[in-house]
Structure formats: structure tokens, C-alpha cells
């Protein structure tokens, strides 16, 4: 079993890993909404995703897993080890829709 709730930041990382390329924060929010594992409820998921990513960029700087490619569009930093991140949180190594469930323990 996985720990709940998953943070919005973790969910955004997973959604971007699944997408494989930069996405607008609204699209990231839609992808998160389709995931089986969801973060805390939010009245405005898109704004919450944007805030989570922006906070990460501001507070973590170069250590943030995100980069901004254009206004409102984000990607995972090229040197971010997404597989290690996901596996460290109990997810299968392949971020695909069929692997949205955590690995069995």
C-alpha cells in the first residue's frame, strides 16, 4: 500500500514523467485528475499545480525537479532522475497509465 496523500509536487512530477515532454500547468492538472493516486482535494487544481511548481522553483532553485520552458509551461529538469524518484516512493519504474499504482510491497 502507498502512503497518502501524495503531494501536488509529487503528482506533477509523475504527470510530467508520464507525458515525456513540457506541458502547460492546466494539462498537468488534467493528467493528475486522471491518475488513480491523487493529492489533497483542491477547488482549482490547475492553480494548485502552478503554485506547487512555482514554489519548488523558488525555494529549491537548481535542485528543483522542474524547469520553466515558457510562461505556464513546465518540464522535468534533464538531469532529474525520475526513475529513482518514483521507485523511492513505491511506484513502478515505468511511468505509464497502467503503472499509476504503486508497486506491491
Protein backbone atom coordinates (compact mmCIF):
# COMPACT_ATOMS: atom_id res chain seq x y z
CA UNK A 1 0.00 0.00 0.00
CA UNK A 2 1.18 3.54 -0.71
CA UNK A 3 1.23 6.46 1.65
CA UNK A 4 -1.48 9.04 1.22
CA UNK A 5 -1.91 11.78 0.39
CA UNK A 6 0.55 12.24 -2.45
CA UNK A 7 1.70 15.86 -2.67
CA UNK A 8 0.83 18.09 -5.61
CA UNK A 9 4.54 18.37 -6.35
CA UNK A 10 4.93 14.58 -6.48
CA UNK A 11 1.84 14.31 -8.65
CA UNK A 12 3.19 16.94 -11.06
CA UNK A 13 6.50 15.06 -11.31
CA UNK A 14 4.66 11.84 -12.09
CA UNK A 15 2.38 13.54 -14.67
CA UNK A 16 5.35 15.17 -16.42
CA UNK A 17 7.27 11.89 -16.42
CA UNK A 18 4.26 10.21 -17.99
CA UNK A 19 3.94 12.97 -20.62
CA UNK A 20 7.62 12.86 -21.55
CA UNK A 21 7.75 16.49 -22.68
CA UNK A 22 6.89 20.01 -21.44
CA UNK A 23 3.25 20.60 -20.57
CA UNK A 24 1.14 23.60 -19.57
CA UNK A 25 0.15 23.56 -15.90
CA UNK A 26 -3.53 23.12 -16.86
CA UNK A 27 -2.66 19.97 -18.81
CA UNK A 28 -0.58 18.72 -15.87
CA UNK A 29 -3.65 19.21 -13.63
CA UNK A 30 -5.84 17.26 -16.10
CA UNK A 31 -3.30 14.43 -16.14
CA UNK A 32 -3.24 14.35 -12.34
CA UNK A 33 -7.04 14.22 -12.30
CA UNK A 34 -6.90 11.04 -14.43
CA UNK A 35 -4.34 9.38 -12.14
CA UNK A 36 -5.52 6.79 -9.63
CA UNK A 37 -3.40 8.28 -6.86
CA UNK A 38 -4.44 11.84 -6.17
CA UNK A 39 -3.15 14.61 -3.90
CA UNK A 40 -5.33 16.55 -1.45
CA UNK A 41 -8.51 17.87 -2.99
CA UNK A 42 -8.36 21.35 -4.46
CA UNK A 43 -11.10 23.64 -5.72
CA UNK A 44 -8.76 24.80 -8.50
CA UNK A 45 -6.33 22.01 -9.39
CA UNK A 46 -4.63 23.98 -12.16
CA UNK A 47 -3.78 26.87 -9.82
CA UNK A 48 -2.61 24.43 -7.17
CA UNK A 49 -0.29 22.69 -9.66
CA UNK A 50 1.08 26.04 -10.80
CA UNK A 51 1.68 27.10 -7.18
CA UNK A 52 3.38 23.80 -6.29
CA UNK A 53 5.76 24.02 -9.24
CA UNK A 54 6.46 27.73 -8.74
CA UNK A 55 7.15 27.17 -5.04
CA UNK A 56 9.56 24.36 -5.88
CA UNK A 57 11.39 26.56 -8.39
CA UNK A 58 11.64 29.46 -5.93
CA UNK A 59 12.61 27.52 -2.82
CA UNK A 60 14.75 24.74 -4.31
CA UNK A 61 16.35 26.67 -7.16
CA UNK A 62 18.61 24.39 -9.24
CA UNK A 63 17.68 21.44 -7.02
CA UNK A 64 14.04 21.69 -8.14
CA UNK A 65 12.98 18.85 -10.43
CA UNK A 66 11.18 21.38 -12.66
CA UNK A 67 12.21 23.86 -15.31
CA UNK A 68 10.04 26.53 -16.90
CA UNK A 69 10.24 26.29 -20.69
CA UNK A 70 7.87 29.18 -21.40
CA UNK A 71 5.16 31.02 -19.46
CA UNK A 72 2.94 28.43 -17.78
CA UNK A 73 4.78 25.50 -19.38
CA UNK A 74 7.00 23.20 -17.35
CA UNK A 75 9.17 20.15 -17.84
CA UNK A 76 11.30 17.95 -15.66
CA UNK A 77 14.91 19.07 -15.40
CA UNK A 78 17.02 16.96 -17.81
CA UNK A 79 19.34 15.81 -15.01
CA UNK A 80 16.45 14.88 -12.68
CA UNK A 81 16.50 11.12 -12.01
CA UNK A 82 12.79 10.47 -12.35
CA UNK A 83 13.16 6.68 -12.08
CA UNK A 84 14.98 6.92 -8.74
CA UNK A 85 12.38 9.43 -7.53
CA UNK A 86 9.43 7.21 -8.48
CA UNK A 87 10.96 3.98 -7.23
CA UNK A 88 11.88 5.68 -3.95
CA UNK A 89 8.18 6.39 -3.44
CA UNK A 90 6.97 2.88 -4.24
CA UNK A 91 5.98 3.37 -7.87
CA UNK A 92 6.93 1.04 -10.68
CA UNK A 93 9.87 2.26 -12.75
CA UNK A 94 7.83 2.77 -15.94
CA UNK A 95 5.59 5.84 -15.58
CA UNK A 96 2.73 4.80 -17.83
CA UNK A 97 -1.04 4.85 -17.31
CA UNK A 98 -1.02 1.15 -16.44
CA UNK A 99 1.61 1.69 -13.75
CA UNK A 100 -0.13 4.51 -11.90
CA UNK A 101 -0.47 2.16 -8.96
CA UNK A 102 2.45 1.75 -6.57
CA UNK A 103 4.49 -1.41 -6.63
CA UNK A 104 3.40 -4.13 -4.23
CA UNK A 105 5.47 -4.43 -1.07
